[in-house]
Amino acid sequence: MKNDLKIPTPVMALQVILSALAGAATKLYLQNFCWLIQLIAFIIIFVVVYLIVGMIYLRLKK
């Protein structure tokens, strides 16, 4: 992956950790639903949180 935005490694780590925690919480919340819905929800939440943290960092960097 190209690092065009020059996001530092600690911020990338924070993105991944927060995204995984939010995705895991969503999976626990949806544990009574089928595995496909859990998987789709995990992926969507992971991507959304990852993007939000990255956008906040870039906004604060300006």
PDB file of N, CA and C in Angstrom:
ATOM      1  N   MET A   1       0.843  -1.168   0.000  1.00  0.00           N
ATOM      2  CA  MET A   1       0.000   0.000   0.000  1.00  0.00           C
ATOM      3  C   MET A   1       0.894   1.238   0.000  1.00  0.00           C
ATOM      4  N   LYS A   2       0.569   2.187  -0.853  1.00  0.00           N
ATOM      5  CA  LYS A   2       1.321   3.431  -0.902  1.00  0.00           C
ATOM      6  C   LYS A   2       0.893   4.320   0.260  1.00  0.00           C
ATOM      7  N   ASN A   3       1.847   5.006   0.822  1.00  0.00           N
ATOM      8  CA  ASN A   3       1.579   5.884   1.956  1.00  0.00           C
ATOM      9  C   ASN A   3       1.621   7.336   1.486  1.00  0.00           C
ATOM     10  N   ASP A   4       0.705   7.700   0.591  1.00  0.00           N
ATOM     11  CA  ASP A   4       0.674   9.048   0.034  1.00  0.00           C
ATOM     12  C   ASP A   4       0.291  10.105   1.064  1.00  0.00           C
ATOM     13  N   LEU A   5      -0.515   9.728   2.046  1.00  0.00           N
ATOM     14  CA  LEU A   5      -1.002  10.703   3.017  1.00  0.00           C
ATOM     15  C   LEU A   5      -0.042  10.908   4.177  1.00  0.00           C
ATOM     16  N   LYS A   6       1.002  10.118   4.258  1.00  0.00           N
ATOM     17  CA  LYS A   6       2.015  10.229   5.310  1.00  0.00           C
ATOM     18  C   LYS A   6       1.402  10.136   6.711  1.00  0.00           C
ATOM     19  N   ILE A   7       0.508   9.179   6.901  1.00  0.00           N
ATOM     20  CA  ILE A   7      -0.075   8.946   8.220  1.00  0.00           C
ATOM     21  C   ILE A   7       0.926   8.128   9.031  1.00  0.00           C
ATOM     22  N   PRO A   8       1.294   8.602  10.232  1.00  0.00           N
ATOM     23  CA  PRO A   8       2.296   7.883  11.027  1.00  0.00           C
ATOM     24  C   PRO A   8       1.788   6.520  11.504  1.00  0.00           C
ATOM     25  N   THR A   9       2.732   5.656  11.801  1.00  0.00           N
ATOM     26  CA  THR A   9       2.413   4.291  12.215  1.00  0.00           C
ATOM     27  C   THR A   9       1.538   4.229  13.468  1.00  0.00           C
ATOM     28  N   PRO A  10       1.772   5.053  14.500  1.00  0.00           N
ATOM     29  CA  PRO A  10       0.886   4.980  15.678  1.00  0.00           C
ATOM     30  C   PRO A  10      -0.570   5.309  15.352  1.00  0.00           C
ATOM     31  N   VAL A  11      -0.796   6.228  14.433  1.00  0.00           N
ATOM     32  CA  VAL A  11      -2.170   6.565  14.053  1.00  0.00           C
ATOM     33  C   VAL A  11      -2.791   5.403  13.286  1.00  0.00           C
ATOM     34  N   MET A  12      -2.012   4.757  12.419  1.00  0.00           N
ATOM     35  CA  MET A  12      -2.519   3.582  11.708  1.00  0.00           C
ATOM     36  C   MET A  12      -2.863   2.466  12.692  1.00  0.00           C
ATOM     37  N   ALA A  13      -2.022   2.284  13.704  1.00  0.00           N
ATOM     38  CA  ALA A  13      -2.296   1.264  14.719  1.00  0.00           C
ATOM     39  C   ALA A  13      -3.573   1.594  15.480  1.00  0.00           C
ATOM     40  N   LEU A  14      -3.752   2.870  15.816  1.00  0.00           N
ATOM     41  CA  LEU A  14      -4.969   3.295  16.500  1.00  0.00           C
ATOM     42  C   LEU A  14      -6.193   3.041  15.629  1.00  0.00           C
ATOM     43  N   GLN A  15      -6.072   3.305  14.332  1.00  0.00           N
ATOM     44  CA  GLN A  15      -7.172   3.037  13.411  1.00  0.00           C
ATOM     45  C   GLN A  15      -7.565   1.566  13.449  1.00  0.00           C
ATOM     46  N   VAL A  16      -6.592   0.695  13.357  1.00  0.00           N
ATOM     47  CA  VAL A  16      -6.867  -0.740  13.314  1.00  0.00           C
ATOM     48  C   VAL A  16      -7.456  -1.227  14.636  1.00  0.00           C
ATOM     49  N   ILE A  17      -6.884  -0.777  15.754  1.00  0.00           N
ATOM     50  CA  ILE A  17      -7.367  -1.233  17.062  1.00  0.00           C
ATOM     51  C   ILE A  17      -8.799  -0.769  17.313  1.00  0.00           C
ATOM     52  N   LEU A  18      -9.080   0.510  17.080  1.00  0.00           N
ATOM     53  CA  LEU A  18     -10.437   1.019  17.297  1.00  0.00           C
ATOM     54  C   LEU A  18     -11.439   0.369  16.352  1.00  0.00           C
ATOM     55  N   SER A  19     -11.032   0.142  15.111  1.00  0.00           N
ATOM     56  CA  SER A  19     -11.918  -0.499  14.145  1.00  0.00           C
ATOM     57  C   SER A  19     -12.226  -1.932  14.552  1.00  0.00           C
ATOM     58  N   ALA A  20     -11.209  -2.653  14.996  1.00  0.00           N
ATOM     59  CA  ALA A  20     -11.422  -4.041  15.418  1.00  0.00           C
ATOM     60  C   ALA A  20     -12.314  -4.116  16.657  1.00  0.00           C
ATOM     61  N   LEU A  21     -12.108  -3.203  17.609  1.00  0.00           N
ATOM     62  CA  LEU A  21     -12.952  -3.192  18.804  1.00  0.00           C
ATOM     63  C   LEU A  21     -14.408  -2.872  18.464  1.00  0.00           C
ATOM     64  N   ALA A  22     -14.614  -1.896  17.591  1.00  0.00           N
ATOM     65  CA  ALA A  22     -15.980  -1.553  17.194  1.00  0.00           C
ATOM     66  C   ALA A  22     -16.629  -2.705  16.430  1.00  0.00           C
ATOM     67  N   GLY A  23     -15.860  -3.346  15.558  1.00  0.00           N
ATOM     68  CA  GLY A  23     -16.386  -4.492  14.818  1.00  0.00           C
ATOM     69  C   GLY A  23     -16.715  -5.657  15.729  1.00  0.00           C
ATOM     70  N   ALA A  24     -15.863  -5.913  16.714  1.00  0.00           N
ATOM     71  CA  ALA A  24     -16.117  -7.004  17.662  1.00  0.00           C
ATOM     72  C   ALA A  24     -17.352  -6.712  18.513  1.00  0.00           C
ATOM     73  N   ALA A  25     -17.516  -5.463  18.927  1.00  0.00           N
ATOM     74  CA  ALA A  25     -18.700  -5.091  19.700  1.00  0.00           C
ATOM     75  C   ALA A  25     -19.963  -5.281  18.866  1.00  0.00           C
ATOM     76  N   THR A  26     -19.896  -4.938  17.593  1.00  0.00           N
ATOM     77  CA  THR A  26     -21.036  -5.135  16.702  1.00  0.00           C
ATOM     78  C   THR A  26     -21.341  -6.616  16.546  1.00  0.00           C
ATOM     79  N   LYS A  27     -20.301  -7.423  16.394  1.00  0.00           N
ATOM     80  CA  LYS A  27     -20.494  -8.867  16.250  1.00  0.00           C
ATOM     81  C   LYS A  27     -21.143  -9.451  17.506  1.00  0.00           C
ATOM     82  N   LEU A  28     -20.716  -9.002  18.687  1.00  0.00           N
ATOM     83  CA  LEU A  28     -21.341  -9.466  19.924  1.00  0.00           C
ATOM     84  C   LEU A  28     -22.799  -9.030  20.014  1.00  0.00           C
ATOM     85  N   TYR A  29     -23.080  -7.817  19.570  1.00  0.00           N
ATOM     86  CA  TYR A  29     -24.447  -7.306  19.599  1.00  0.00           C
ATOM     87  C   TYR A  29     -25.354  -8.119  18.681  1.00  0.00           C
ATOM     88  N   LEU A  30     -24.806  -8.586  17.560  1.00  0.00           N
ATOM     89  CA  LEU A  30     -25.587  -9.333  16.572  1.00  0.00           C
ATOM     90  C   LEU A  30     -25.384 -10.844  16.684  1.00  0.00           C
ATOM     91  N   GLN A  31     -24.999 -11.348  17.846  1.00  0.00           N
ATOM     92  CA  GLN A  31     -24.651 -12.757  17.966  1.00  0.00           C
ATOM     93  C   GLN A  31     -25.829 -13.702  17.748  1.00  0.00           C
ATOM     94  N   ASN A  32     -27.059 -13.225  17.834  1.00  0.00           N
ATOM     95  CA  ASN A  32     -28.218 -14.088  17.607  1.00  0.00           C
ATOM     96  C   ASN A  32     -28.645 -14.119  16.144  1.00  0.00           C
ATOM     97  N   PHE A  33     -27.942 -13.379  15.284  1.00  0.00           N
ATOM     98  CA  PHE A  33     -28.255 -13.374  13.863  1.00  0.00           C
ATOM     99  C   PHE A  33     -27.327 -14.333  13.133  1.00  0.00           C
ATOM    100  N   CYS A  34     -27.607 -14.571  11.870  1.00  0.00           N
ATOM    101  CA  CYS A  34     -26.780 -15.519  11.109  1.00  0.00           C
ATOM    102  C   CYS A  34     -25.367 -14.963  10.913  1.00  0.00           C
ATOM    103  N   TRP A  35     -24.429 -15.853  10.638  1.00  0.00           N
ATOM    104  CA  TRP A  35     -23.014 -15.476  10.552  1.00  0.00           C
ATOM    105  C   TRP A  35     -22.753 -14.510   9.406  1.00  0.00           C
ATOM    106  N   LEU A  36     -23.531 -14.582   8.329  1.00  0.00           N
ATOM    107  CA  LEU A  36     -23.314 -13.694   7.187  1.00  0.00           C
ATOM    108  C   LEU A  36     -23.626 -12.245   7.562  1.00  0.00           C
ATOM    109  N   ILE A  37     -24.714 -12.039   8.287  1.00  0.00           N
ATOM    110  CA  ILE A  37     -25.059 -10.685   8.732  1.00  0.00           C
ATOM    111  C   ILE A  37     -23.990 -10.162   9.687  1.00  0.00           C
ATOM    112  N   GLN A  38     -23.486 -11.030  10.574  1.00  0.00           N
ATOM    113  CA  GLN A  38     -22.419 -10.631  11.489  1.00  0.00           C
ATOM    114  C   GLN A  38     -21.166 -10.227  10.728  1.00  0.00           C
ATOM    115  N   LEU A  39     -20.813 -10.996   9.711  1.00  0.00           N
ATOM    116  CA  LEU A  39     -19.616 -10.706   8.920  1.00  0.00           C
ATOM    117  C   LEU A  39     -19.753  -9.388   8.168  1.00  0.00           C
ATOM    118  N   ILE A  40     -20.888  -9.185   7.532  1.00  0.00           N
ATOM    119  CA  ILE A  40     -21.118  -7.950   6.775  1.00  0.00           C
ATOM    120  C   ILE A  40     -21.093  -6.738   7.712  1.00  0.00           C
ATOM    121  N   ALA A  41     -21.744  -6.863   8.864  1.00  0.00           N
ATOM    122  CA  ALA A  41     -21.760  -5.759   9.830  1.00  0.00           C
ATOM    123  C   ALA A  41     -20.355  -5.465  10.341  1.00  0.00           C
ATOM    124  N   PHE A  42     -19.566  -6.514  10.619  1.00  0.00           N
ATOM    125  CA  PHE A  42     -18.196  -6.324  11.092  1.00  0.00           C
ATOM    126  C   PHE A  42     -17.375  -5.565  10.060  1.00  0.00           C
ATOM    127  N   ILE A  43     -17.483  -5.966   8.795  1.00  0.00           N
ATOM    128  CA  ILE A  43     -16.709  -5.316   7.731  1.00  0.00           C
ATOM    129  C   ILE A  43     -17.117  -3.857   7.581  1.00  0.00           C
ATOM    130  N   ILE A  44     -18.412  -3.593   7.576  1.00  0.00           N
ATOM    131  CA  ILE A  44     -18.895  -2.218   7.408  1.00  0.00           C
ATOM    132  C   ILE A  44     -18.427  -1.336   8.565  1.00  0.00           C
ATOM    133  N   ILE A  45     -18.595  -1.798   9.799  1.00  0.00           N
ATOM    134  CA  ILE A  45     -18.182  -1.018  10.965  1.00  0.00           C
ATOM    135  C   ILE A  45     -16.674  -0.808  10.965  1.00  0.00           C
ATOM    136  N   PHE A  46     -15.908  -1.851  10.619  1.00  0.00           N
ATOM    137  CA  PHE A  46     -14.451  -1.748  10.583  1.00  0.00           C
ATOM    138  C   PHE A  46     -14.024  -0.649   9.615  1.00  0.00           C
ATOM    139  N   VAL A  47     -14.576  -0.674   8.413  1.00  0.00           N
ATOM    140  CA  VAL A  47     -14.197   0.303   7.386  1.00  0.00           C
ATOM    141  C   VAL A  47     -14.609   1.716   7.797  1.00  0.00           C
ATOM    142  N   VAL A  48     -15.813   1.865   8.317  1.00  0.00           N
ATOM    143  CA  VAL A  48     -16.303   3.196   8.694  1.00  0.00           C
ATOM    144  C   VAL A  48     -15.444   3.802   9.808  1.00  0.00           C
ATOM    145  N   VAL A  49     -15.159   3.033  10.849  1.00  0.00           N
ATOM    146  CA  VAL A  49     -14.345   3.558  11.955  1.00  0.00           C
ATOM    147  C   VAL A  49     -12.928   3.858  11.480  1.00  0.00           C
ATOM    148  N   TYR A  50     -12.365   2.992  10.642  1.00  0.00           N
ATOM    149  CA  TYR A  50     -11.018   3.204  10.108  1.00  0.00           C
ATOM    150  C   TYR A  50     -10.951   4.523   9.337  1.00  0.00           C
ATOM    151  N   LEU A  51     -11.958   4.763   8.493  1.00  0.00           N
ATOM    152  CA  LEU A  51     -11.988   6.002   7.710  1.00  0.00           C
ATOM    153  C   LEU A  51     -12.198   7.231   8.589  1.00  0.00           C
ATOM    154  N   ILE A  52     -13.059   7.120   9.585  1.00  0.00           N
ATOM    155  CA  ILE A  52     -13.328   8.265  10.457  1.00  0.00           C
ATOM    156  C   ILE A  52     -12.072   8.673  11.224  1.00  0.00           C
ATOM    157  N   VAL A  53     -11.348   7.697  11.777  1.00  0.00           N
ATOM    158  CA  VAL A  53     -10.123   8.019  12.518  1.00  0.00           C
ATOM    159  C   VAL A  53      -9.096   8.663  11.589  1.00  0.00           C
ATOM    160  N   GLY A  54      -8.954   8.144  10.384  1.00  0.00           N
ATOM    161  CA  GLY A  54      -8.022   8.726   9.422  1.00  0.00           C
ATOM    162  C   GLY A  54      -8.406  10.140   9.028  1.00  0.00           C
ATOM    163  N   MET A  55      -9.707  10.367   8.821  1.00  0.00           N
ATOM    164  CA  MET A  55     -10.160  11.701   8.443  1.00  0.00           C
ATOM    165  C   MET A  55      -9.982  12.694   9.591  1.00  0.00           C
ATOM    166  N   ILE A  56     -10.213  12.257  10.825  1.00  0.00           N
ATOM    167  CA  ILE A  56     -10.000  13.139  11.976  1.00  0.00           C
ATOM    168  C   ILE A  56      -8.532  13.523  12.079  1.00  0.00           C
ATOM    169  N   TYR A  57      -7.642  12.548  11.894  1.00  0.00           N
ATOM    170  CA  TYR A  57      -6.205  12.852  11.957  1.00  0.00           C
ATOM    171  C   TYR A  57      -5.819  13.860  10.880  1.00  0.00           C
ATOM    172  N   LEU A  58      -6.272  13.632   9.658  1.00  0.00           N
ATOM    173  CA  LEU A  58      -5.913  14.542   8.566  1.00  0.00           C
ATOM    174  C   LEU A  58      -6.502  15.932   8.788  1.00  0.00           C
ATOM    175  N   ARG A  59      -7.695  16.002   9.386  1.00  0.00           N
ATOM    176  CA  ARG A  59      -8.319  17.294   9.667  1.00  0.00           C
ATOM    177  C   ARG A  59      -7.527  18.040  10.742  1.00  0.00           C
ATOM    178  N   LEU A  60      -7.076  17.321  11.776  1.00  0.00           N
ATOM    179  CA  LEU A  60      -6.304  17.956  12.849  1.00  0.00           C
ATOM    180  C   LEU A  60      -4.905  18.343  12.392  1.00  0.00           C
ATOM    181  N   LYS A  61      -4.389  17.652  11.394  1.00  0.00           N
ATOM    182  CA  LYS A  61      -3.037  17.903  10.899  1.00  0.00           C
ATOM    183  C   LYS A  61      -2.939  19.246  10.180  1.00  0.00           C
ATOM    184  N   LYS A  62      -4.033  19.695   9.580  1.00  0.00           N
ATOM    185  CA  LYS A  62      -4.019  20.948   8.807  1.00  0.00           C
ATOM    186  C   LYS A  62      -3.739  22.141   9.637  1.00  0.00           C
TER     187      LYS A  62
END
